[in-house]
Amino acid sequence: MNNLLYVGIPESDLVRKDILGSAKKVITLLRDHKDYAALRQQKEEHIILLKKVLDGIANQTRKLKNTLPKTTLGIEAKQNTRNQRVAQKQSEQKNSTPASKIELLEQELDKIEKRLKAFQ
């Protein structure tokens, strides 16, 4: 009743070698996947820890701002620098507008000369 049938495989040594090589690749891939999953888990833990630290820093900063006296010094300094920038831009615009066509042509000539020097 126990009829076994054997089928011959041509070049069975090469087939065995290929199967073992494929099995080795699969095992390597599974090990790499396991390492990758562990690394991903560590990354998530570090991100959670970073968020906690940043929240703590934000809370401490908020407490510090609440305990410090209110001043207008920072606001005035910001307004002064903003006004200085606006005045500087206006003066640059006034200086950059040519008074005559000759000055305009001279400026264009200077630009062309600069471009030529850049190519050389």
PDB file of N, CA and C in Angstrom:
ATOM      1  N   MET A   1       0.797  -1.182   0.000  1.00  0.00           N
ATOM      2  CA  MET A   1       0.000   0.000   0.000  1.00  0.00           C
ATOM      3  C   MET A   1       0.853   1.266   0.000  1.00  0.00           C
ATOM      4  N   ASN A   2       2.002   1.164   0.472  1.00  0.00           N
ATOM      5  CA  ASN A   2       2.891   2.294   0.584  1.00  0.00           C
ATOM      6  C   ASN A   2       3.750   2.381  -0.663  1.00  0.00           C
ATOM      7  N   ASN A   3       3.177   2.908  -1.708  1.00  0.00           N
ATOM      8  CA  ASN A   3       3.898   3.025  -2.963  1.00  0.00           C
ATOM      9  C   ASN A   3       4.531   4.418  -3.052  1.00  0.00           C
ATOM     10  N   LEU A   4       5.817   4.470  -2.994  1.00  0.00           N
ATOM     11  CA  LEU A   4       6.543   5.720  -3.101  1.00  0.00           C
ATOM     12  C   LEU A   4       7.066   5.868  -4.509  1.00  0.00           C
ATOM     13  N   LEU A   5       7.021   7.046  -5.004  1.00  0.00           N
ATOM     14  CA  LEU A   5       7.502   7.314  -6.330  1.00  0.00           C
ATOM     15  C   LEU A   5       8.555   8.402  -6.241  1.00  0.00           C
ATOM     16  N   TYR A   6       9.731   8.127  -6.723  1.00  0.00           N
ATOM     17  CA  TYR A   6      10.813   9.096  -6.713  1.00  0.00           C
ATOM     18  C   TYR A   6      10.989   9.661  -8.111  1.00  0.00           C
ATOM     19  N   VAL A   7      11.151  10.993  -8.154  1.00  0.00           N
ATOM     20  CA  VAL A   7      11.346  11.662  -9.427  1.00  0.00           C
ATOM     21  C   VAL A   7      12.736  12.254  -9.407  1.00  0.00           C
ATOM     22  N   GLY A   8      13.483  12.032 -10.425  1.00  0.00           N
ATOM     23  CA  GLY A   8      14.840  12.558 -10.499  1.00  0.00           C
ATOM     24  C   GLY A   8      14.846  14.025 -10.911  1.00  0.00           C
ATOM     25  N   ILE A   9      15.637  14.808 -10.238  1.00  0.00           N
ATOM     26  CA  ILE A   9      15.767  16.237 -10.559  1.00  0.00           C
ATOM     27  C   ILE A   9      17.137  16.420 -11.188  1.00  0.00           C
ATOM     28  N   PRO A  10      17.167  16.962 -12.405  1.00  0.00           N
ATOM     29  CA  PRO A  10      18.471  17.159 -13.026  1.00  0.00           C
ATOM     30  C   PRO A  10      19.220  18.285 -12.306  1.00  0.00           C
ATOM     31  N   GLU A  11      20.500  18.101 -12.158  1.00  0.00           N
ATOM     32  CA  GLU A  11      21.375  19.053 -11.473  1.00  0.00           C
ATOM     33  C   GLU A  11      20.837  19.394 -10.090  1.00  0.00           C
ATOM     34  N   SER A  12      20.595  18.372  -9.301  1.00  0.00           N
ATOM     35  CA  SER A  12      19.993  18.549  -7.975  1.00  0.00           C
ATOM     36  C   SER A  12      20.910  19.339  -7.040  1.00  0.00           C
ATOM     37  N   ASP A  13      22.217  19.242  -7.241  1.00  0.00           N
ATOM     38  CA  ASP A  13      23.135  20.001  -6.382  1.00  0.00           C
ATOM     39  C   ASP A  13      22.952  21.507  -6.593  1.00  0.00           C
ATOM     40  N   LEU A  14      22.788  21.951  -7.826  1.00  0.00           N
ATOM     41  CA  LEU A  14      22.572  23.374  -8.100  1.00  0.00           C
ATOM     42  C   LEU A  14      21.237  23.850  -7.539  1.00  0.00           C
ATOM     43  N   VAL A  15      20.208  22.998  -7.636  1.00  0.00           N
ATOM     44  CA  VAL A  15      18.889  23.353  -7.104  1.00  0.00           C
ATOM     45  C   VAL A  15      18.971  23.497  -5.588  1.00  0.00           C
ATOM     46  N   ARG A  16      19.637  22.579  -4.915  1.00  0.00           N
ATOM     47  CA  ARG A  16      19.808  22.653  -3.466  1.00  0.00           C
ATOM     48  C   ARG A  16      20.577  23.915  -3.077  1.00  0.00           C
ATOM     49  N   LYS A  17      21.613  24.217  -3.847  1.00  0.00           N
ATOM     50  CA  LYS A  17      22.415  25.414  -3.572  1.00  0.00           C
ATOM     51  C   LYS A  17      21.565  26.679  -3.717  1.00  0.00           C
ATOM     52  N   ASP A  18      20.738  26.732  -4.765  1.00  0.00           N
ATOM     53  CA  ASP A  18      19.865  27.884  -4.967  1.00  0.00           C
ATOM     54  C   ASP A  18      18.838  28.014  -3.845  1.00  0.00           C
ATOM     55  N   ILE A  19      18.261  26.895  -3.430  1.00  0.00           N
ATOM     56  CA  ILE A  19      17.273  26.915  -2.354  1.00  0.00           C
ATOM     57  C   ILE A  19      17.913  27.385  -1.051  1.00  0.00           C
ATOM     58  N   LEU A  20      19.096  26.881  -0.731  1.00  0.00           N
ATOM     59  CA  LEU A  20      19.779  27.292   0.491  1.00  0.00           C
ATOM     60  C   LEU A  20      20.173  28.784   0.430  1.00  0.00           C
ATOM     61  N   GLY A  21      20.600  29.230  -0.743  1.00  0.00           N
ATOM     62  CA  GLY A  21      20.937  30.650  -0.893  1.00  0.00           C
ATOM     63  C   GLY A  21      19.712  31.533  -0.704  1.00  0.00           C
ATOM     64  N   SER A  22      18.582  31.103  -1.256  1.00  0.00           N
ATOM     65  CA  SER A  22      17.338  31.865  -1.099  1.00  0.00           C
ATOM     66  C   SER A  22      16.897  31.880   0.364  1.00  0.00           C
ATOM     67  N   ALA A  23      17.013  30.741   1.035  1.00  0.00           N
ATOM     68  CA  ALA A  23      16.645  30.670   2.450  1.00  0.00           C
ATOM     69  C   ALA A  23      17.532  31.605   3.275  1.00  0.00           C
ATOM     70  N   LYS A  24      18.821  31.648   2.933  1.00  0.00           N
ATOM     71  CA  LYS A  24      19.750  32.535   3.642  1.00  0.00           C
ATOM     72  C   LYS A  24      19.352  33.996   3.436  1.00  0.00           C
ATOM     73  N   LYS A  25      18.980  34.364   2.206  1.00  0.00           N
ATOM     74  CA  LYS A  25      18.540  35.742   1.929  1.00  0.00           C
ATOM     75  C   LYS A  25      17.274  36.087   2.710  1.00  0.00           C
ATOM     76  N   VAL A  26      16.330  35.141   2.781  1.00  0.00           N
ATOM     77  CA  VAL A  26      15.087  35.375   3.513  1.00  0.00           C
ATOM     78  C   VAL A  26      15.378  35.598   4.995  1.00  0.00           C
ATOM     79  N   ILE A  27      16.256  34.800   5.556  1.00  0.00           N
ATOM     80  CA  ILE A  27      16.612  34.949   6.968  1.00  0.00           C
ATOM     81  C   ILE A  27      17.280  36.298   7.208  1.00  0.00           C
ATOM     82  N   THR A  28      18.162  36.695   6.308  1.00  0.00           N
ATOM     83  CA  THR A  28      18.827  37.997   6.434  1.00  0.00           C
ATOM     84  C   THR A  28      17.806  39.129   6.367  1.00  0.00           C
ATOM     85  N   LEU A  29      16.870  39.031   5.424  1.00  0.00           N
ATOM     86  CA  LEU A  29      15.832  40.057   5.303  1.00  0.00           C
ATOM     87  C   LEU A  29      14.956  40.123   6.546  1.00  0.00           C
ATOM     88  N   LEU A  30      14.598  38.974   7.104  1.00  0.00           N
ATOM     89  CA  LEU A  30      13.787  38.962   8.319  1.00  0.00           C
ATOM     90  C   LEU A  30      14.543  39.593   9.493  1.00  0.00           C
ATOM     91  N   ARG A  31      15.839  39.318   9.595  1.00  0.00           N
ATOM     92  CA  ARG A  31      16.651  39.901  10.663  1.00  0.00           C
ATOM     93  C   ARG A  31      16.742  41.418  10.492  1.00  0.00           C
ATOM     94  N   ASP A  32      16.946  41.861   9.243  1.00  0.00           N
ATOM     95  CA  ASP A  32      17.009  43.295   8.980  1.00  0.00           C
ATOM     96  C   ASP A  32      15.672  43.969   9.299  1.00  0.00           C
ATOM     97  N   HIS A  33      14.574  43.289   8.957  1.00  0.00           N
ATOM     98  CA  HIS A  33      13.251  43.844   9.247  1.00  0.00           C
ATOM     99  C   HIS A  33      13.043  43.972  10.756  1.00  0.00           C
ATOM    100  N   LYS A  34      13.488  42.979  11.496  1.00  0.00           N
ATOM    101  CA  LYS A  34      13.373  43.018  12.956  1.00  0.00           C
ATOM    102  C   LYS A  34      14.186  44.187  13.514  1.00  0.00           C
ATOM    103  N   ASP A  35      15.405  44.379  13.002  1.00  0.00           N
ATOM    104  CA  ASP A  35      16.240  45.497  13.446  1.00  0.00           C
ATOM    105  C   ASP A  35      15.590  46.826  13.092  1.00  0.00           C
ATOM    106  N   TYR A  36      15.010  46.907  11.914  1.00  0.00           N
ATOM    107  CA  TYR A  36      14.347  48.132  11.471  1.00  0.00           C
ATOM    108  C   TYR A  36      13.145  48.443  12.357  1.00  0.00           C
ATOM    109  N   ALA A  37      12.374  47.419  12.709  1.00  0.00           N
ATOM    110  CA  ALA A  37      11.210  47.620  13.571  1.00  0.00           C
ATOM    111  C   ALA A  37      11.646  48.103  14.952  1.00  0.00           C
ATOM    112  N   ALA A  38      12.736  47.542  15.470  1.00  0.00           N
ATOM    113  CA  ALA A  38      13.245  47.980  16.771  1.00  0.00           C
ATOM    114  C   ALA A  38      13.729  49.421  16.693  1.00  0.00           C
ATOM    115  N   LEU A  39      14.397  49.780  15.607  1.00  0.00           N
ATOM    116  CA  LEU A  39      14.877  51.141  15.422  1.00  0.00           C
ATOM    117  C   LEU A  39      13.707  52.119  15.324  1.00  0.00           C
ATOM    118  N   ARG A  40      12.666  51.721  14.631  1.00  0.00           N
ATOM    119  CA  ARG A  40      11.472  52.566  14.513  1.00  0.00           C
ATOM    120  C   ARG A  40      10.831  52.783  15.886  1.00  0.00           C
ATOM    121  N   GLN A  41      10.785  51.728  16.697  1.00  0.00           N
ATOM    122  CA  GLN A  41      10.231  51.835  18.047  1.00  0.00           C
ATOM    123  C   GLN A  41      11.070  52.800  18.888  1.00  0.00           C
ATOM    124  N   GLN A  42      12.388  52.709  18.786  1.00  0.00           N
ATOM    125  CA  GLN A  42      13.268  53.620  19.526  1.00  0.00           C
ATOM    126  C   GLN A  42      13.035  55.059  19.072  1.00  0.00           C
ATOM    127  N   LYS A  43      12.858  55.250  17.779  1.00  0.00           N
ATOM    128  CA  LYS A  43      12.620  56.587  17.248  1.00  0.00           C
ATOM    129  C   LYS A  43      11.337  57.171  17.826  1.00  0.00           C
ATOM    130  N   GLU A  44      10.282  56.370  17.874  1.00  0.00           N
ATOM    131  CA  GLU A  44       9.017  56.834  18.428  1.00  0.00           C
ATOM    132  C   GLU A  44       9.168  57.198  19.897  1.00  0.00           C
ATOM    133  N   GLU A  45       9.932  56.391  20.653  1.00  0.00           N
ATOM    134  CA  GLU A  45      10.159  56.676  22.068  1.00  0.00           C
ATOM    135  C   GLU A  45      10.941  57.981  22.240  1.00  0.00           C
ATOM    136  N   HIS A  46      11.938  58.193  21.385  1.00  0.00           N
ATOM    137  CA  HIS A  46      12.714  59.435  21.468  1.00  0.00           C
ATOM    138  C   HIS A  46      11.857  60.652  21.119  1.00  0.00           C
ATOM    139  N   ILE A  47      10.971  60.493  20.148  1.00  0.00           N
ATOM    140  CA  ILE A  47      10.087  61.595  19.768  1.00  0.00           C
ATOM    141  C   ILE A  47       9.150  61.943  20.925  1.00  0.00           C
ATOM    142  N   ILE A  48       8.615  60.935  21.586  1.00  0.00           N
ATOM    143  CA  ILE A  48       7.735  61.169  22.732  1.00  0.00           C
ATOM    144  C   ILE A  48       8.503  61.868  23.851  1.00  0.00           C
ATOM    145  N   LEU A  49       9.730  61.415  24.105  1.00  0.00           N
ATOM    146  CA  LEU A  49      10.557  62.043  25.129  1.00  0.00           C
ATOM    147  C   LEU A  49      10.873  63.492  24.767  1.00  0.00           C
ATOM    148  N   LEU A  50      11.185  63.741  23.508  1.00  0.00           N
ATOM    149  CA  LEU A  50      11.478  65.098  23.052  1.00  0.00           C
ATOM    150  C   LEU A  50      10.266  66.005  23.233  1.00  0.00           C
ATOM    151  N   LYS A  51       9.079  65.503  22.905  1.00  0.00           N
ATOM    152  CA  LYS A  51       7.864  66.300  23.075  1.00  0.00           C
ATOM    153  C   LYS A  51       7.651  66.649  24.545  1.00  0.00           C
ATOM    154  N   LYS A  52       7.909  65.687  25.442  1.00  0.00           N
ATOM    155  CA  LYS A  52       7.764  65.956  26.870  1.00  0.00           C
ATOM    156  C   LYS A  52       8.744  67.030  27.325  1.00  0.00           C
ATOM    157  N   VAL A  53       9.986  66.934  26.858  1.00  0.00           N
ATOM    158  CA  VAL A  53      10.992  67.923  27.232  1.00  0.00           C
ATOM    159  C   VAL A  53      10.619  69.300  26.702  1.00  0.00           C
ATOM    160  N   LEU A  54      10.174  69.365  25.447  1.00  0.00           N
ATOM    161  CA  LEU A  54       9.778  70.648  24.870  1.00  0.00           C
ATOM    162  C   LEU A  54       8.569  71.241  25.589  1.00  0.00           C
ATOM    163  N   ASP A  55       7.621  70.402  25.986  1.00  0.00           N
ATOM    164  CA  ASP A  55       6.484  70.890  26.762  1.00  0.00           C
ATOM    165  C   ASP A  55       6.948  71.449  28.101  1.00  0.00           C
ATOM    166  N   GLY A  56       7.895  70.766  28.734  1.00  0.00           N
ATOM    167  CA  GLY A  56       8.446  71.249  30.002  1.00  0.00           C
ATOM    168  C   GLY A  56       9.135  72.597  29.831  1.00  0.00           C
ATOM    169  N   ILE A  57       9.902  72.725  28.753  1.00  0.00           N
ATOM    170  CA  ILE A  57      10.584  73.996  28.474  1.00  0.00           C
ATOM    171  C   ILE A  57       9.560  75.105  28.237  1.00  0.00           C
ATOM    172  N   ALA A  58       8.495  74.797  27.497  1.00  0.00           N
ATOM    173  CA  ALA A  58       7.454  75.800  27.233  1.00  0.00           C
ATOM    174  C   ALA A  58       6.785  76.225  28.534  1.00  0.00           C
ATOM    175  N   ASN A  59       6.517  75.258  29.416  1.00  0.00           N
ATOM    176  CA  ASN A  59       5.894  75.591  30.699  1.00  0.00           C
ATOM    177  C   ASN A  59       6.821  76.473  31.532  1.00  0.00           C
ATOM    178  N   GLN A  60       8.091  76.126  31.582  1.00  0.00           N
ATOM    179  CA  GLN A  60       9.045  76.916  32.363  1.00  0.00           C
ATOM    180  C   GLN A  60       9.179  78.325  31.779  1.00  0.00           C
ATOM    181  N   THR A  61       9.181  78.443  30.461  1.00  0.00           N
ATOM    182  CA  THR A  61       9.273  79.753  29.820  1.00  0.00           C
ATOM    183  C   THR A  61       8.037  80.584  30.134  1.00  0.00           C
ATOM    184  N   ARG A  62       6.883  79.953  30.093  1.00  0.00           N
ATOM    185  CA  ARG A  62       5.640  80.656  30.399  1.00  0.00           C
ATOM    186  C   ARG A  62       5.641  81.147  31.849  1.00  0.00           C
ATOM    187  N   LYS A  63       6.097  80.295  32.774  1.00  0.00           N
ATOM    188  CA  LYS A  63       6.180  80.702  34.178  1.00  0.00           C
ATOM    189  C   LYS A  63       7.145  81.855  34.359  1.00  0.00           C
ATOM    190  N   LEU A  64       8.293  81.783  33.652  1.00  0.00           N
ATOM    191  CA  LEU A  64       9.284  82.851  33.755  1.00  0.00           C
ATOM    192  C   LEU A  64       8.718  84.169  33.240  1.00  0.00           C
ATOM    193  N   LYS A  65       8.026  84.131  32.105  1.00  0.00           N
ATOM    194  CA  LYS A  65       7.431  85.347  31.553  1.00  0.00           C
ATOM    195  C   LYS A  65       6.393  85.929  32.508  1.00  0.00           C
ATOM    196  N   ASN A  66       5.641  85.082  33.182  1.00  0.00           N
ATOM    197  CA  ASN A  66       4.628  85.553  34.120  1.00  0.00           C
ATOM    198  C   ASN A  66       5.255  86.185  35.360  1.00  0.00           C
ATOM    199  N   THR A  67       6.414  85.692  35.788  1.00  0.00           N
ATOM    200  CA  THR A  67       7.043  86.234  36.988  1.00  0.00           C
ATOM    201  C   THR A  67       7.855  87.490  36.701  1.00  0.00           C
ATOM    202  N   LEU A  68       8.313  87.676  35.481  1.00  0.00           N
ATOM    203  CA  LEU A  68       9.093  88.871  35.146  1.00  0.00           C
ATOM    204  C   LEU A  68       8.176  90.082  35.045  1.00  0.00           C
ATOM    205  N   PRO A  69       8.686  91.262  35.384  1.00  0.00           N
ATOM    206  CA  PRO A  69       7.849  92.461  35.278  1.00  0.00           C
ATOM    207  C   PRO A  69       7.588  92.820  33.816  1.00  0.00           C
ATOM    208  N   LYS A  70       6.461  93.435  33.598  1.00  0.00           N
ATOM    209  CA  LYS A  70       6.082  93.848  32.241  1.00  0.00           C
ATOM    210  C   LYS A  70       6.826  95.134  31.895  1.00  0.00           C
ATOM    211  N   THR A  71       7.441  95.188  30.720  1.00  0.00           N
ATOM    212  CA  THR A  71       8.124  96.390  30.259  1.00  0.00           C
ATOM    213  C   THR A  71       7.727  96.664  28.818  1.00  0.00           C
ATOM    214  N   THR A  72       7.934  97.904  28.416  1.00  0.00           N
ATOM    215  CA  THR A  72       7.666  98.270  27.028  1.00  0.00           C
ATOM    216  C   THR A  72       8.963  98.468  26.265  1.00  0.00           C
ATOM    217  N   LEU A  73      10.068  98.167  26.903  1.00  0.00           N
ATOM    218  CA  LEU A  73      11.376  98.375  26.287  1.00  0.00           C
ATOM    219  C   LEU A  73      11.525  97.570  25.000  1.00  0.00           C
ATOM    220  N   GLY A  74      11.131  96.336  25.022  1.00  0.00           N
ATOM    221  CA  GLY A  74      11.258  95.486  23.837  1.00  0.00           C
ATOM    222  C   GLY A  74      10.391  95.965  22.697  1.00  0.00           C
ATOM    223  N   ILE A  75       9.201  96.452  23.025  1.00  0.00           N
ATOM    224  CA  ILE A  75       8.291  96.942  21.988  1.00  0.00           C
ATOM    225  C   ILE A  75       8.857  98.193  21.343  1.00  0.00           C
ATOM    226  N   GLU A  76       9.392  99.092  22.172  1.00  0.00           N
ATOM    227  CA  GLU A  76       9.971 100.321  21.627  1.00  0.00           C
ATOM    228  C   GLU A  76      11.174 100.021  20.749  1.00  0.00           C
ATOM    229  N   ALA A  77      11.996  99.083  21.164  1.00  0.00           N
ATOM    230  CA  ALA A  77      13.171  98.738  20.372  1.00  0.00           C
ATOM    231  C   ALA A  77      12.763  98.163  19.022  1.00  0.00           C
ATOM    232  N   LYS A  78      11.735  97.341  19.007  1.00  0.00           N
ATOM    233  CA  LYS A  78      11.262  96.772  17.746  1.00  0.00           C
ATOM    234  C   LYS A  78      10.728  97.857  16.820  1.00  0.00           C
ATOM    235  N   GLN A  79       9.995  98.805  17.396  1.00  0.00           N
ATOM    236  CA  GLN A  79       9.455  99.885  16.578  1.00  0.00           C
ATOM    237  C   GLN A  79      10.569 100.759  16.037  1.00  0.00           C
ATOM    238  N   ASN A  80      11.597 101.017  16.851  1.00  0.00           N
ATOM    239  CA  ASN A  80      12.725 101.831  16.393  1.00  0.00           C
ATOM    240  C   ASN A  80      13.462 101.161  15.246  1.00  0.00           C
ATOM    241  N   THR A  81      13.719  99.873  15.363  1.00  0.00           N
ATOM    242  CA  THR A  81      14.428  99.178  14.284  1.00  0.00           C
ATOM    243  C   THR A  81      13.572  99.133  13.026  1.00  0.00           C
ATOM    244  N   ARG A  82      12.277  98.957  13.189  1.00  0.00           N
ATOM    245  CA  ARG A  82      11.375  98.930  12.036  1.00  0.00           C
ATOM    246  C   ARG A  82      11.385 100.298  11.347  1.00  0.00           C
ATOM    247  N   ASN A  83      11.328 101.364  12.132  1.00  0.00           N
ATOM    248  CA  ASN A  83      11.356 102.713  11.567  1.00  0.00           C
ATOM    249  C   ASN A  83      12.686 102.985  10.863  1.00  0.00           C
ATOM    250  N   GLN A  84      13.771 102.491  11.445  1.00  0.00           N
ATOM    251  CA  GLN A  84      15.082 102.685  10.823  1.00  0.00           C
ATOM    252  C   GLN A  84      15.161 101.968   9.486  1.00  0.00           C
ATOM    253  N   ARG A  85      14.625 100.762   9.437  1.00  0.00           N
ATOM    254  CA  ARG A  85      14.642 100.006   8.179  1.00  0.00           C
ATOM    255  C   ARG A  85      13.823 100.712   7.105  1.00  0.00           C
ATOM    256  N   VAL A  86      12.665 101.220   7.494  1.00  0.00           N
ATOM    257  CA  VAL A  86      11.815 101.912   6.526  1.00  0.00           C
ATOM    258  C   VAL A  86      12.524 103.158   6.012  1.00  0.00           C
ATOM    259  N   ALA A  87      13.143 103.909   6.913  1.00  0.00           N
ATOM    260  CA  ALA A  87      13.857 105.119   6.504  1.00  0.00           C
ATOM    261  C   ALA A  87      15.030 104.780   5.594  1.00  0.00           C
ATOM    262  N   GLN A  88      15.724 103.697   5.897  1.00  0.00           N
ATOM    263  CA  GLN A  88      16.865 103.274   5.076  1.00  0.00           C
ATOM    264  C   GLN A  88      16.394 102.877   3.681  1.00  0.00           C
ATOM    265  N   LYS A  89      15.296 102.153   3.590  1.00  0.00           N
ATOM    266  CA  LYS A  89      14.777 101.751   2.280  1.00  0.00           C
ATOM    267  C   LYS A  89      14.355 102.963   1.463  1.00  0.00           C
ATOM    268  N   GLN A  90      13.737 103.924   2.127  1.00  0.00           N
ATOM    269  CA  GLN A  90      13.317 105.132   1.418  1.00  0.00           C
ATOM    270  C   GLN A  90      14.514 105.912   0.898  1.00  0.00           C
ATOM    271  N   SER A  91      15.567 105.993   1.718  1.00  0.00           N
ATOM    272  CA  SER A  91      16.750 106.724   1.265  1.00  0.00           C
ATOM    273  C   SER A  91      17.436 105.991   0.115  1.00  0.00           C
ATOM    274  N   GLU A  92      17.434 104.666   0.156  1.00  0.00           N
ATOM    275  CA  GLU A  92      18.029 103.897  -0.942  1.00  0.00           C
ATOM    276  C   GLU A  92      17.238 104.113  -2.230  1.00  0.00           C
ATOM    277  N   GLN A  93      15.927 104.172  -2.113  1.00  0.00           N
ATOM    278  CA  GLN A  93      15.102 104.383  -3.299  1.00  0.00           C
ATOM    279  C   GLN A  93      15.341 105.759  -3.879  1.00  0.00           C
ATOM    280  N   LYS A  94      15.510 106.749  -3.015  1.00  0.00           N
ATOM    281  CA  LYS A  94      15.777 108.096  -3.504  1.00  0.00           C
ATOM    282  C   LYS A  94      17.125 108.165  -4.191  1.00  0.00           C
ATOM    283  N   ASN A  95      18.117 107.464  -3.628  1.00  0.00           N
ATOM    284  CA  ASN A  95      19.463 107.470  -4.205  1.00  0.00           C
ATOM    285  C   ASN A  95      19.544 106.655  -5.482  1.00  0.00           C
ATOM    286  N   SER A  96      18.690 105.673  -5.600  1.00  0.00           N
ATOM    287  CA  SER A  96      18.786 104.789  -6.754  1.00  0.00           C
ATOM    288  C   SER A  96      18.085 105.350  -7.986  1.00  0.00           C
ATOM    289  N   THR A  97      17.222 106.326  -7.846  1.00  0.00           N
ATOM    290  CA  THR A  97      16.544 106.878  -9.011  1.00  0.00           C
ATOM    291  C   THR A  97      17.480 107.847  -9.728  1.00  0.00           C
ATOM    292  N   PRO A  98      17.755 107.613 -11.004  1.00  0.00           N
ATOM    293  CA  PRO A  98      18.676 108.480 -11.733  1.00  0.00           C
ATOM    294  C   PRO A  98      18.028 109.831 -12.048  1.00  0.00           C
ATOM    295  N   ALA A  99      18.861 110.870 -12.031  1.00  0.00           N
ATOM    296  CA  ALA A  99      18.349 112.222 -12.279  1.00  0.00           C
ATOM    297  C   ALA A  99      18.183 112.469 -13.770  1.00  0.00           C
ATOM    298  N   SER A 100      18.953 111.785 -14.592  1.00  0.00           N
ATOM    299  CA  SER A 100      18.852 112.039 -16.021  1.00  0.00           C
ATOM    300  C   SER A 100      19.019 110.753 -16.813  1.00  0.00           C
ATOM    301  N   LYS A 101      18.792 110.877 -18.097  1.00  0.00           N
ATOM    302  CA  LYS A 101      18.935 109.716 -18.974  1.00  0.00           C
ATOM    303  C   LYS A 101      20.385 109.280 -19.084  1.00  0.00           C
ATOM    304  N   ILE A 102      21.283 110.210 -18.978  1.00  0.00           N
ATOM    305  CA  ILE A 102      22.712 109.880 -19.075  1.00  0.00           C
ATOM    306  C   ILE A 102      23.124 108.988 -17.904  1.00  0.00           C
ATOM    307  N   GLU A 103      22.663 109.313 -16.703  1.00  0.00           N
ATOM    308  CA  GLU A 103      22.993 108.499 -15.537  1.00  0.00           C
ATOM    309  C   GLU A 103      22.391 107.106 -15.673  1.00  0.00           C
ATOM    310  N   LEU A 104      21.189 107.040 -16.204  1.00  0.00           N
ATOM    311  CA  LEU A 104      20.541 105.751 -16.433  1.00  0.00           C
ATOM    312  C   LEU A 104      21.352 104.907 -17.405  1.00  0.00           C
ATOM    313  N   LEU A 105      21.813 105.496 -18.471  1.00  0.00           N
ATOM    314  CA  LEU A 105      22.628 104.775 -19.447  1.00  0.00           C
ATOM    315  C   LEU A 105      23.959 104.351 -18.841  1.00  0.00           C
ATOM    316  N   GLU A 106      24.545 105.188 -17.990  1.00  0.00           N
ATOM    317  CA  GLU A 106      25.809 104.825 -17.338  1.00  0.00           C
ATOM    318  C   GLU A 106      25.611 103.630 -16.410  1.00  0.00           C
ATOM    319  N   GLN A 107      24.493 103.622 -15.693  1.00  0.00           N
ATOM    320  CA  GLN A 107      24.215 102.490 -14.804  1.00  0.00           C
ATOM    321  C   GLN A 107      24.031 101.201 -15.604  1.00  0.00           C
ATOM    322  N   GLU A 108      23.322 101.264 -16.700  1.00  0.00           N
ATOM    323  CA  GLU A 108      23.143 100.085 -17.548  1.00  0.00           C
ATOM    324  C   GLU A 108      24.472  99.611 -18.113  1.00  0.00           C
ATOM    325  N   LEU A 109      25.332 100.562 -18.489  1.00  0.00           N
ATOM    326  CA  LEU A 109      26.652 100.218 -18.993  1.00  0.00           C
ATOM    327  C   LEU A 109      27.479  99.527 -17.914  1.00  0.00           C
ATOM    328  N   ASP A 110      27.404 100.013 -16.684  1.00  0.00           N
ATOM    329  CA  ASP A 110      28.114  99.371 -15.567  1.00  0.00           C
ATOM    330  C   ASP A 110      27.623  97.943 -15.359  1.00  0.00           C
ATOM    331  N   LYS A 111      26.317  97.747 -15.444  1.00  0.00           N
ATOM    332  CA  LYS A 111      25.762  96.402 -15.275  1.00  0.00           C
ATOM    333  C   LYS A 111      26.270  95.462 -16.363  1.00  0.00           C
ATOM    334  N   ILE A 112      26.307  95.960 -17.576  1.00  0.00           N
ATOM    335  CA  ILE A 112      26.772  95.136 -18.701  1.00  0.00           C
ATOM    336  C   ILE A 112      28.247  94.786 -18.509  1.00  0.00           C
ATOM    337  N   GLU A 113      29.042  95.738 -18.075  1.00  0.00           N
ATOM    338  CA  GLU A 113      30.468  95.482 -17.834  1.00  0.00           C
ATOM    339  C   GLU A 113      30.661  94.447 -16.733  1.00  0.00           C
ATOM    340  N   LYS A 114      29.855  94.508 -15.690  1.00  0.00           N
ATOM    341  CA  LYS A 114      29.939  93.514 -14.608  1.00  0.00           C
ATOM    342  C   LYS A 114      29.615  92.123 -15.127  1.00  0.00           C
ATOM    343  N   ARG A 115      28.612  92.026 -16.000  1.00  0.00           N
ATOM    344  CA  ARG A 115      28.244  90.727 -16.567  1.00  0.00           C
ATOM    345  C   ARG A 115      29.370  90.191 -17.439  1.00  0.00           C
ATOM    346  N   LEU A 116      29.977  91.059 -18.219  1.00  0.00           N
ATOM    347  CA  LEU A 116      31.087  90.629 -19.060  1.00  0.00           C
ATOM    348  C   LEU A 116      32.262  90.133 -18.221  1.00  0.00           C
ATOM    349  N   LYS A 117      32.545  90.808 -17.131  1.00  0.00           N
ATOM    350  CA  LYS A 117      33.624  90.356 -16.237  1.00  0.00           C
ATOM    351  C   LYS A 117      33.308  89.014 -15.615  1.00  0.00           C
ATOM    352  N   ALA A 118      32.036  88.782 -15.348  1.00  0.00           N
ATOM    353  CA  ALA A 118      31.639  87.511 -14.761  1.00  0.00           C
ATOM    354  C   ALA A 118      31.849  86.366 -15.751  1.00  0.00           C
ATOM    355  N   PHE A 119      31.671  86.614 -17.022  1.00  0.00           N
ATOM    356  CA  PHE A 119      31.871  85.570 -18.036  1.00  0.00           C
ATOM    357  C   PHE A 119      33.343  85.271 -18.279  1.00  0.00           C
ATOM    358  N   GLN A 120      34.222  86.209 -18.018  1.00  0.00           N
ATOM    359  CA  GLN A 120      35.639  86.000 -18.297  1.00  0.00           C
ATOM    360  C   GLN A 120      36.320  85.208 -17.242  1.00  0.00           C
TER     361      GLN A 120
END
